Amino acid sequence: MANPGYNGMWLPQDRDPRMQETQTKGELACPVGYLEHYRATLELKCRGLTPEQLGTRSVPPSNMSLLGLVRHMARVEQSWFRRVIEGQMDLPRHFQDEAFDGGFNWPGEVDEALVDEARALWREEVEHAREVLAGTTLDTLVDVHGKPSEVRDLIVHMIEEYARHCGHADLIRECIDGRAGQ
């Protein structure tokens, strides 16, 4: 097989962890499948880079980076699944300090420990979200800013959040080493 997409920088279909053996079926499985696809995409965008590359800011004046996106998505996962769906509103949000800008900023230099901490936190929140979703239904009502909302709406919001940020991640990664798409 010839090099797939963008001069061989795409994974071959048989090595892409996002490719499913069978079609997703079911009212909950379908949107959760899309959510998992975008989670895997963010992970792929960060794979194989040094801490310095992960901390590389996009374009001025933006402070967005791949590391910042991982930290930000840990915060988003925690907020929707622990705080909103589980009702743990008194739980302090990750990176709440204004200086951390929702996870996009961090104290000190980027090093392996900071990257490992961010990845572990994100993976922990993703795993917890999976457990929450396994124990709920799409029509479960939760309180969002004083108004009832269905879990269905929150999953769609998470898909939208990941889709937007995976687009950012794609552009940032392309600036770092030319890897684009997928």
N, C-alpha and C. Protein backbone atom coordinates (compact mmCIF):
# COMPACT_ATOMS: atom_id res chain seq x y z
N MET A 1 0.85 -1.18 0.00
CA MET A 1 0.00 0.00 0.00
C MET A 1 0.90 1.24 0.00
N ALA A 2 0.54 2.21 -0.79
CA ALA A 2 1.28 3.48 -0.83
C ALA A 2 1.14 4.20 0.51
N ASN A 3 2.02 5.16 0.71
CA ASN A 3 1.94 5.95 1.94
C ASN A 3 0.57 6.62 2.03
N PRO A 4 -0.15 6.39 3.12
CA PRO A 4 -1.46 7.03 3.25
C PRO A 4 -1.33 8.51 3.56
N GLY A 5 -2.20 9.32 2.96
CA GLY A 5 -2.35 10.75 3.22
C GLY A 5 -1.14 11.55 3.63
N TYR A 6 -1.10 12.79 3.20
CA TYR A 6 -0.09 13.77 3.58
C TYR A 6 1.31 13.18 3.63
N ASN A 7 1.73 12.60 2.51
CA ASN A 7 3.10 12.11 2.37
C ASN A 7 3.46 11.08 3.46
N GLY A 8 2.53 10.20 3.75
CA GLY A 8 2.81 9.11 4.67
C GLY A 8 2.66 9.44 6.14
N MET A 9 2.11 10.59 6.47
CA MET A 9 2.01 10.96 7.88
C MET A 9 0.70 10.51 8.51
N TRP A 10 -0.23 9.98 7.72
CA TRP A 10 -1.44 9.39 8.30
C TRP A 10 -1.16 7.95 8.65
N LEU A 11 -1.83 7.45 9.64
CA LEU A 11 -1.70 6.04 9.97
C LEU A 11 -2.46 5.21 8.94
N PRO A 12 -1.91 4.08 8.54
CA PRO A 12 -2.69 3.19 7.69
C PRO A 12 -3.96 2.77 8.44
N GLN A 13 -5.02 2.54 7.70
CA GLN A 13 -6.32 2.25 8.31
C GLN A 13 -6.24 1.07 9.28
N ASP A 14 -5.46 0.06 8.95
CA ASP A 14 -5.39 -1.11 9.82
C ASP A 14 -4.58 -0.87 11.10
N ARG A 15 -3.92 0.29 11.22
CA ARG A 15 -3.18 0.63 12.43
C ARG A 15 -3.79 1.80 13.19
N ASP A 16 -4.88 2.35 12.69
CA ASP A 16 -5.55 3.49 13.33
C ASP A 16 -6.44 2.96 14.46
N PRO A 17 -6.11 3.31 15.71
CA PRO A 17 -6.89 2.78 16.84
C PRO A 17 -8.35 3.26 16.87
N ARG A 18 -8.67 4.23 16.05
CA ARG A 18 -10.04 4.75 16.04
C ARG A 18 -10.96 3.96 15.11
N MET A 19 -10.39 3.10 14.29
CA MET A 19 -11.19 2.32 13.35
C MET A 19 -11.87 1.20 14.12
N GLN A 20 -13.17 1.05 13.91
CA GLN A 20 -13.95 0.06 14.64
C GLN A 20 -14.13 -1.20 13.80
N GLU A 21 -14.19 -2.32 14.48
CA GLU A 21 -14.44 -3.59 13.81
C GLU A 21 -15.86 -3.64 13.26
N THR A 22 -16.80 -3.16 14.04
CA THR A 22 -18.21 -3.20 13.64
C THR A 22 -18.82 -1.82 13.80
N GLN A 23 -19.97 -1.64 13.15
CA GLN A 23 -20.67 -0.37 13.24
C GLN A 23 -21.26 -0.20 14.64
N THR A 24 -21.19 1.02 15.17
CA THR A 24 -21.76 1.32 16.48
C THR A 24 -23.28 1.27 16.38
N LYS A 25 -23.90 0.59 17.34
CA LYS A 25 -25.35 0.49 17.35
C LYS A 25 -25.86 0.85 18.74
N GLY A 26 -27.00 1.49 18.77
CA GLY A 26 -27.63 1.80 20.04
C GLY A 26 -27.63 3.28 20.31
N GLU A 27 -28.67 3.70 21.02
CA GLU A 27 -28.86 5.12 21.26
C GLU A 27 -27.73 5.74 22.07
N LEU A 28 -27.21 5.04 23.07
CA LEU A 28 -26.11 5.57 23.86
C LEU A 28 -24.76 5.28 23.19
N ALA A 29 -24.62 4.09 22.63
CA ALA A 29 -23.34 3.69 22.05
C ALA A 29 -22.92 4.59 20.89
N CYS A 30 -23.87 5.07 20.11
CA CYS A 30 -23.53 5.90 18.95
C CYS A 30 -22.86 7.22 19.36
N PRO A 31 -23.49 8.06 20.19
CA PRO A 31 -22.78 9.30 20.55
C PRO A 31 -21.53 9.06 21.38
N VAL A 32 -21.55 8.04 22.23
CA VAL A 32 -20.35 7.74 23.01
C VAL A 32 -19.23 7.28 22.09
N GLY A 33 -19.56 6.58 21.01
CA GLY A 33 -18.56 6.18 20.03
C GLY A 33 -17.90 7.38 19.38
N TYR A 34 -18.69 8.39 19.05
CA TYR A 34 -18.11 9.61 18.48
C TYR A 34 -17.22 10.32 19.50
N LEU A 35 -17.68 10.37 20.75
CA LEU A 35 -16.88 10.99 21.81
C LEU A 35 -15.54 10.25 21.95
N GLU A 36 -15.58 8.94 21.95
CA GLU A 36 -14.35 8.15 22.07
C GLU A 36 -13.42 8.39 20.87
N HIS A 37 -14.00 8.54 19.69
CA HIS A 37 -13.20 8.82 18.49
C HIS A 37 -12.41 10.11 18.67
N TYR A 38 -13.05 11.15 19.18
CA TYR A 38 -12.35 12.42 19.35
C TYR A 38 -11.35 12.37 20.49
N ARG A 39 -11.66 11.62 21.55
CA ARG A 39 -10.67 11.45 22.61
C ARG A 39 -9.41 10.79 22.05
N ALA A 40 -9.60 9.75 21.25
CA ALA A 40 -8.46 9.05 20.65
C ALA A 40 -7.71 9.97 19.69
N THR A 41 -8.43 10.83 18.99
CA THR A 41 -7.78 11.76 18.07
C THR A 41 -6.86 12.71 18.82
N LEU A 42 -7.33 13.25 19.95
CA LEU A 42 -6.47 14.14 20.73
C LEU A 42 -5.22 13.39 21.19
N GLU A 43 -5.40 12.17 21.63
CA GLU A 43 -4.24 11.39 22.06
C GLU A 43 -3.26 11.17 20.90
N LEU A 44 -3.78 10.85 19.72
CA LEU A 44 -2.91 10.66 18.55
C LEU A 44 -2.15 11.93 18.19
N LYS A 45 -2.81 13.08 18.31
CA LYS A 45 -2.17 14.35 17.96
C LYS A 45 -0.98 14.64 18.88
N CYS A 46 -1.01 14.09 20.08
CA CYS A 46 0.05 14.35 21.06
C CYS A 46 1.14 13.28 21.06
N ARG A 47 0.91 12.21 20.37
CA ARG A 47 1.82 11.06 20.39
C ARG A 47 3.13 11.38 19.67
N GLY A 48 4.24 10.94 20.30
CA GLY A 48 5.54 11.02 19.66
C GLY A 48 6.23 12.36 19.73
N LEU A 49 5.74 13.26 20.58
CA LEU A 49 6.35 14.58 20.69
C LEU A 49 7.10 14.73 22.00
N THR A 50 8.09 15.59 22.01
CA THR A 50 8.83 15.89 23.23
C THR A 50 7.99 16.81 24.12
N PRO A 51 8.33 16.91 25.39
CA PRO A 51 7.62 17.87 26.24
C PRO A 51 7.65 19.29 25.68
N GLU A 52 8.80 19.69 25.15
CA GLU A 52 8.91 21.04 24.59
C GLU A 52 7.96 21.22 23.41
N GLN A 53 7.86 20.22 22.56
CA GLN A 53 6.95 20.31 21.42
C GLN A 53 5.49 20.36 21.89
N LEU A 54 5.16 19.56 22.90
CA LEU A 54 3.79 19.57 23.42
C LEU A 54 3.44 20.93 24.03
N GLY A 55 4.42 21.61 24.57
CA GLY A 55 4.20 22.91 25.17
C GLY A 55 4.31 24.07 24.20
N THR A 56 4.61 23.80 22.94
CA THR A 56 4.75 24.85 21.93
C THR A 56 3.41 25.56 21.74
N ARG A 57 3.45 26.87 21.88
CA ARG A 57 2.25 27.68 21.70
C ARG A 57 1.93 27.80 20.22
N SER A 58 0.65 27.98 19.92
CA SER A 58 0.22 28.07 18.53
C SER A 58 0.70 29.38 17.91
N VAL A 59 -0.18 30.30 17.67
CA VAL A 59 0.20 31.58 17.07
C VAL A 59 -0.13 32.71 18.03
N PRO A 60 0.75 33.68 18.16
CA PRO A 60 0.47 34.81 19.06
C PRO A 60 -0.80 35.54 18.63
N PRO A 61 -1.59 35.99 19.54
CA PRO A 61 -1.37 36.03 20.98
C PRO A 61 -1.93 34.81 21.71
N SER A 62 -2.32 33.77 21.00
CA SER A 62 -2.92 32.60 21.63
C SER A 62 -1.92 31.89 22.54
N ASN A 63 -2.43 31.34 23.62
CA ASN A 63 -1.58 30.54 24.51
C ASN A 63 -1.88 29.05 24.33
N MET A 64 -2.58 28.69 23.27
CA MET A 64 -2.98 27.32 23.04
C MET A 64 -1.79 26.47 22.62
N SER A 65 -1.74 25.26 23.18
CA SER A 65 -0.71 24.27 22.87
C SER A 65 -1.35 22.90 23.01
N LEU A 66 -0.66 21.88 22.53
CA LEU A 66 -1.18 20.52 22.71
C LEU A 66 -1.24 20.15 24.19
N LEU A 67 -0.23 20.51 24.95
CA LEU A 67 -0.25 20.26 26.38
C LEU A 67 -1.41 21.00 27.03
N GLY A 68 -1.61 22.25 26.66
CA GLY A 68 -2.73 23.01 27.19
C GLY A 68 -4.07 22.39 26.84
N LEU A 69 -4.19 21.84 25.64
CA LEU A 69 -5.44 21.18 25.25
C LEU A 69 -5.71 19.94 26.10
N VAL A 70 -4.67 19.17 26.38
CA VAL A 70 -4.85 17.98 27.24
C VAL A 70 -5.28 18.41 28.63
N ARG A 71 -4.64 19.41 29.18
CA ARG A 71 -5.00 19.90 30.51
C ARG A 71 -6.42 20.48 30.51
N HIS A 72 -6.74 21.24 29.48
CA HIS A 72 -8.07 21.84 29.37
C HIS A 72 -9.15 20.76 29.28
N MET A 73 -8.90 19.72 28.49
CA MET A 73 -9.90 18.68 28.34
C MET A 73 -10.05 17.85 29.61
N ALA A 74 -9.01 17.73 30.42
CA ALA A 74 -9.16 17.10 31.74
C ALA A 74 -10.13 17.92 32.58
N ARG A 75 -9.99 19.22 32.51
CA ARG A 75 -10.88 20.13 33.24
C ARG A 75 -12.32 20.01 32.74
N VAL A 76 -12.50 19.95 31.43
CA VAL A 76 -13.84 19.85 30.84
C VAL A 76 -14.49 18.52 31.22
N GLU A 77 -13.73 17.42 31.09
CA GLU A 77 -14.26 16.10 31.48
C GLU A 77 -14.70 16.12 32.94
N GLN A 78 -13.84 16.65 33.81
CA GLN A 78 -14.17 16.70 35.23
C GLN A 78 -15.42 17.53 35.47
N SER A 79 -15.51 18.65 34.82
CA SER A 79 -16.63 19.56 35.06
C SER A 79 -17.97 18.92 34.68
N TRP A 80 -18.05 18.35 33.48
CA TRP A 80 -19.33 17.81 33.03
C TRP A 80 -19.69 16.49 33.69
N PHE A 81 -18.73 15.62 33.88
CA PHE A 81 -19.08 14.30 34.40
C PHE A 81 -19.10 14.24 35.92
N ARG A 82 -18.13 14.79 36.59
CA ARG A 82 -18.13 14.76 38.06
C ARG A 82 -19.03 15.84 38.65
N ARG A 83 -18.83 17.06 38.19
CA ARG A 83 -19.54 18.18 38.81
C ARG A 83 -21.00 18.24 38.38
N VAL A 84 -21.29 18.08 37.09
CA VAL A 84 -22.67 18.24 36.63
C VAL A 84 -23.45 16.93 36.71
N ILE A 85 -23.02 15.89 36.02
CA ILE A 85 -23.80 14.65 36.00
C ILE A 85 -23.86 14.03 37.39
N GLU A 86 -22.74 13.98 38.09
CA GLU A 86 -22.74 13.39 39.43
C GLU A 86 -23.15 14.39 40.52
N GLY A 87 -23.24 15.65 40.17
CA GLY A 87 -23.69 16.66 41.13
C GLY A 87 -22.66 17.08 42.16
N GLN A 88 -21.39 16.88 41.89
CA GLN A 88 -20.33 17.26 42.83
C GLN A 88 -19.90 18.71 42.60
N MET A 89 -20.85 19.61 42.69
CA MET A 89 -20.58 21.02 42.36
C MET A 89 -19.59 21.68 43.32
N ASP A 90 -19.40 21.11 44.50
CA ASP A 90 -18.43 21.69 45.44
C ASP A 90 -17.00 21.21 45.15
N LEU A 91 -16.85 20.31 44.21
CA LEU A 91 -15.54 19.81 43.84
C LEU A 91 -14.76 20.92 43.14
N PRO A 92 -13.57 21.25 43.63
CA PRO A 92 -12.78 22.30 42.96
C PRO A 92 -12.45 21.88 41.53
N ARG A 93 -12.60 22.80 40.59
CA ARG A 93 -12.31 22.51 39.19
C ARG A 93 -10.79 22.48 38.97
N HIS A 94 -10.37 21.60 38.09
CA HIS A 94 -8.96 21.56 37.72
C HIS A 94 -8.57 22.91 37.11
N PHE A 95 -7.42 23.39 37.49
CA PHE A 95 -6.84 24.61 36.93
C PHE A 95 -7.77 25.81 37.09
N GLN A 96 -8.40 25.89 38.25
CA GLN A 96 -9.35 26.97 38.50
C GLN A 96 -8.67 28.32 38.64
N ASP A 97 -7.46 28.32 39.16
CA ASP A 97 -6.74 29.58 39.35
C ASP A 97 -6.70 30.34 38.03
N GLU A 98 -7.01 31.61 38.08
CA GLU A 98 -7.05 32.44 36.87
C GLU A 98 -5.74 32.40 36.10
N ALA A 99 -4.64 32.26 36.79
CA ALA A 99 -3.34 32.23 36.13
C ALA A 99 -3.18 31.00 35.24
N PHE A 100 -3.92 29.93 35.56
CA PHE A 100 -3.82 28.70 34.77
C PHE A 100 -4.71 28.75 33.53
N ASP A 101 -5.61 29.72 33.43
CA ASP A 101 -6.44 29.93 32.24
C ASP A 101 -7.09 28.65 31.74
N GLY A 102 -7.74 27.94 32.66
CA GLY A 102 -8.45 26.72 32.29
C GLY A 102 -7.54 25.58 31.87
N GLY A 103 -6.28 25.65 32.21
CA GLY A 103 -5.32 24.60 31.87
C GLY A 103 -4.35 24.97 30.78
N PHE A 104 -4.60 26.09 30.12
CA PHE A 104 -3.73 26.46 29.00
C PHE A 104 -2.40 27.08 29.46
N ASN A 105 -2.31 27.49 30.69
CA ASN A 105 -1.06 28.00 31.26
C ASN A 105 -0.62 27.08 32.39
N TRP A 106 0.66 27.12 32.70
CA TRP A 106 1.20 26.31 33.78
C TRP A 106 2.40 27.01 34.36
N PRO A 107 2.70 26.69 35.61
CA PRO A 107 3.88 27.32 36.23
C PRO A 107 5.15 26.63 35.75
N GLY A 108 6.19 27.40 35.53
CA GLY A 108 7.49 26.84 35.20
C GLY A 108 7.62 26.35 33.78
N GLU A 109 8.68 25.59 33.58
CA GLU A 109 9.03 25.06 32.26
C GLU A 109 8.26 23.76 32.00
N VAL A 110 8.13 23.45 30.73
CA VAL A 110 7.53 22.18 30.33
C VAL A 110 8.60 21.10 30.44
N ASP A 111 8.30 20.05 31.20
CA ASP A 111 9.21 18.92 31.31
C ASP A 111 8.38 17.64 31.31
N GLU A 112 9.06 16.52 31.34
CA GLU A 112 8.39 15.22 31.27
C GLU A 112 7.41 15.03 32.43
N ALA A 113 7.77 15.51 33.61
CA ALA A 113 6.87 15.37 34.77
C ALA A 113 5.55 16.13 34.56
N LEU A 114 5.61 17.33 34.02
CA LEU A 114 4.41 18.11 33.76
C LEU A 114 3.54 17.41 32.71
N VAL A 115 4.16 16.90 31.66
CA VAL A 115 3.44 16.18 30.61
C VAL A 115 2.80 14.92 31.17
N ASP A 116 3.56 14.15 31.94
CA ASP A 116 3.02 12.91 32.53
C ASP A 116 1.85 13.21 33.45
N GLU A 117 1.98 14.27 34.23
CA GLU A 117 0.90 14.67 35.14
C GLU A 117 -0.36 15.05 34.36
N ALA A 118 -0.20 15.81 33.29
CA ALA A 118 -1.35 16.23 32.48
C ALA A 118 -2.02 15.03 31.82
N ARG A 119 -1.22 14.15 31.24
CA ARG A 119 -1.78 12.95 30.59
C ARG A 119 -2.51 12.07 31.61
N ALA A 120 -1.90 11.88 32.76
CA ALA A 120 -2.52 11.03 33.79
C ALA A 120 -3.84 11.64 34.27
N LEU A 121 -3.85 12.93 34.48
CA LEU A 121 -5.08 13.59 34.92
C LEU A 121 -6.17 13.47 33.86
N TRP A 122 -5.83 13.73 32.61
CA TRP A 122 -6.81 13.62 31.52
C TRP A 122 -7.34 12.18 31.42
N ARG A 123 -6.43 11.21 31.44
CA ARG A 123 -6.85 9.81 31.33
C ARG A 123 -7.72 9.39 32.51
N GLU A 124 -7.40 9.88 33.70
CA GLU A 124 -8.20 9.59 34.89
C GLU A 124 -9.62 10.15 34.73
N GLU A 125 -9.72 11.37 34.24
CA GLU A 125 -11.03 11.98 34.06
C GLU A 125 -11.82 11.30 32.94
N VAL A 126 -11.15 10.90 31.88
CA VAL A 126 -11.82 10.17 30.79
C VAL A 126 -12.34 8.84 31.32
N GLU A 127 -11.52 8.12 32.06
CA GLU A 127 -11.95 6.82 32.59
C GLU A 127 -13.14 7.00 33.54
N HIS A 128 -13.10 8.01 34.37
CA HIS A 128 -14.22 8.27 35.26
C HIS A 128 -15.48 8.60 34.46
N ALA A 129 -15.34 9.39 33.42
CA ALA A 129 -16.48 9.74 32.57
C ALA A 129 -17.08 8.49 31.93
N ARG A 130 -16.23 7.57 31.51
CA ARG A 130 -16.74 6.31 30.95
C ARG A 130 -17.58 5.55 31.96
N GLU A 131 -17.10 5.51 33.20
CA GLU A 131 -17.86 4.83 34.26
C GLU A 131 -19.20 5.53 34.50
N VAL A 132 -19.20 6.84 34.49
CA VAL A 132 -20.43 7.60 34.69
C VAL A 132 -21.41 7.29 33.57
N LEU A 133 -20.94 7.32 32.34
CA LEU A 133 -21.82 7.05 31.19
C LEU A 133 -22.34 5.63 31.19
N ALA A 134 -21.55 4.69 31.68
CA ALA A 134 -22.00 3.30 31.75
C ALA A 134 -23.17 3.13 32.72
N GLY A 135 -23.31 4.06 33.66
CA GLY A 135 -24.36 3.96 34.66
C GLY A 135 -25.50 4.94 34.47
N THR A 136 -25.64 5.50 33.29
CA THR A 136 -26.70 6.48 33.07
C THR A 136 -27.39 6.23 31.73
N THR A 137 -28.41 7.00 31.48
CA THR A 137 -29.11 6.94 30.19
C THR A 137 -29.09 8.33 29.57
N LEU A 138 -29.35 8.39 28.28
CA LEU A 138 -29.33 9.67 27.57
C LEU A 138 -30.38 10.65 28.07
N ASP A 139 -31.50 10.13 28.54
CA ASP A 139 -32.58 11.03 28.97
C ASP A 139 -32.53 11.37 30.46
N THR A 140 -31.49 10.95 31.15
CA THR A 140 -31.32 11.33 32.55
C THR A 140 -31.21 12.85 32.63
N LEU A 141 -31.97 13.46 33.53
CA LEU A 141 -31.93 14.91 33.70
C LEU A 141 -30.90 15.30 34.74
N VAL A 142 -30.14 16.35 34.43
CA VAL A 142 -29.16 16.93 35.34
C VAL A 142 -29.36 18.43 35.35
N ASP A 143 -28.85 19.06 36.40
CA ASP A 143 -28.97 20.51 36.54
C ASP A 143 -27.78 21.19 35.88
N VAL A 144 -28.06 22.05 34.91
CA VAL A 144 -27.02 22.84 34.26
C VAL A 144 -27.39 24.30 34.44
N HIS A 145 -26.67 24.96 35.35
CA HIS A 145 -26.90 26.38 35.62
C HIS A 145 -28.37 26.65 35.98
N GLY A 146 -28.93 25.77 36.81
CA GLY A 146 -30.30 25.97 37.29
C GLY A 146 -31.39 25.51 36.35
N LYS A 147 -31.03 24.89 35.23
CA LYS A 147 -32.02 24.42 34.27
C LYS A 147 -31.81 22.93 34.03
N PRO A 148 -32.90 22.17 33.89
CA PRO A 148 -32.74 20.74 33.61
C PRO A 148 -32.23 20.51 32.19
N SER A 149 -31.31 19.57 32.06
CA SER A 149 -30.76 19.22 30.77
C SER A 149 -30.56 17.71 30.74
N GLU A 150 -30.70 17.12 29.58
CA GLU A 150 -30.49 15.68 29.46
C GLU A 150 -29.01 15.36 29.28
N VAL A 151 -28.61 14.20 29.77
CA VAL A 151 -27.24 13.72 29.56
C VAL A 151 -26.92 13.70 28.07
N ARG A 152 -27.90 13.42 27.24
CA ARG A 152 -27.75 13.45 25.78
C ARG A 152 -27.12 14.77 25.34
N ASP A 153 -27.65 15.87 25.85
CA ASP A 153 -27.13 17.19 25.48
C ASP A 153 -25.68 17.37 25.91
N LEU A 154 -25.35 16.82 27.07
CA LEU A 154 -23.97 16.97 27.56
C LEU A 154 -22.99 16.16 26.71
N ILE A 155 -23.42 14.98 26.26
CA ILE A 155 -22.54 14.18 25.40
C ILE A 155 -22.34 14.91 24.07
N VAL A 156 -23.41 15.44 23.51
CA VAL A 156 -23.27 16.18 22.26
C VAL A 156 -22.35 17.39 22.46
N HIS A 157 -22.49 18.06 23.59
CA HIS A 157 -21.59 19.18 23.88
C HIS A 157 -20.14 18.71 23.96
N MET A 158 -19.90 17.57 24.60
CA MET A 158 -18.54 17.05 24.69
C MET A 158 -17.98 16.71 23.31
N ILE A 159 -18.81 16.13 22.44
CA ILE A 159 -18.37 15.84 21.07
C ILE A 159 -17.97 17.15 20.38
N GLU A 160 -18.81 18.16 20.54
CA GLU A 160 -18.53 19.46 19.93
C GLU A 160 -17.24 20.06 20.50
N GLU A 161 -17.05 19.96 21.80
CA GLU A 161 -15.86 20.50 22.45
C GLU A 161 -14.59 19.81 21.93
N TYR A 162 -14.63 18.48 21.89
CA TYR A 162 -13.48 17.74 21.37
C TYR A 162 -13.25 18.02 19.89
N ALA A 163 -14.32 18.06 19.10
CA ALA A 163 -14.17 18.30 17.66
C ALA A 163 -13.48 19.64 17.41
N ARG A 164 -13.92 20.67 18.11
CA ARG A 164 -13.31 22.00 17.95
C ARG A 164 -11.84 21.96 18.33
N HIS A 165 -11.56 21.37 19.49
CA HIS A 165 -10.18 21.36 19.97
C HIS A 165 -9.28 20.40 19.18
N CYS A 166 -9.85 19.35 18.61
CA CYS A 166 -9.04 18.48 17.75
C CYS A 166 -8.66 19.22 16.47
N GLY A 167 -9.52 20.11 16.00
CA GLY A 167 -9.15 20.97 14.88
C GLY A 167 -7.99 21.88 15.25
N HIS A 168 -8.04 22.44 16.46
CA HIS A 168 -6.91 23.24 16.93
C HIS A 168 -5.64 22.38 17.00
N ALA A 169 -5.80 21.18 17.58
CA ALA A 169 -4.66 20.28 17.75
C ALA A 169 -4.04 19.92 16.40
N ASP A 170 -4.88 19.73 15.41
CA ASP A 170 -4.40 19.39 14.08
C ASP A 170 -3.50 20.50 13.53
N LEU A 171 -3.93 21.73 13.67
CA LEU A 171 -3.13 22.86 13.17
C LEU A 171 -1.85 23.04 13.97
N ILE A 172 -1.94 22.88 15.29
CA ILE A 172 -0.74 23.02 16.12
C ILE A 172 0.27 21.94 15.75
N ARG A 173 -0.21 20.70 15.62
CA ARG A 173 0.70 19.59 15.27
C ARG A 173 1.32 19.82 13.91
N GLU A 174 0.57 20.31 12.96
CA GLU A 174 1.11 20.56 11.63
C GLU A 174 2.24 21.59 11.70
N CYS A 175 2.09 22.59 12.55
CA CYS A 175 3.16 23.60 12.71
C CYS A 175 4.40 23.01 13.37
N ILE A 176 4.23 22.01 14.22
CA ILE A 176 5.37 21.42 14.94
C ILE A 176 6.20 20.54 14.02
N ASP A 177 5.55 19.60 13.33
CA ASP A 177 6.33 18.64 12.55
C ASP A 177 5.72 18.27 11.19
N GLY A 178 4.70 19.00 10.79
CA GLY A 178 4.10 18.75 9.49
C GLY A 178 3.00 17.71 9.48
N ARG A 179 2.80 17.00 10.58
CA ARG A 179 1.75 15.97 10.64
C ARG A 179 0.39 16.66 10.59
N ALA A 180 -0.42 16.26 9.64
CA ALA A 180 -1.71 16.93 9.44
C ALA A 180 -2.81 15.91 9.24
N GLY A 181 -4.03 16.34 9.45
CA GLY A 181 -5.19 15.51 9.17
C GLY A 181 -5.37 14.38 10.14
N GLN A 182 -6.33 13.56 9.80
CA GLN A 182 -6.65 12.35 10.56
C GLN A 182 -6.94 12.68 11.98
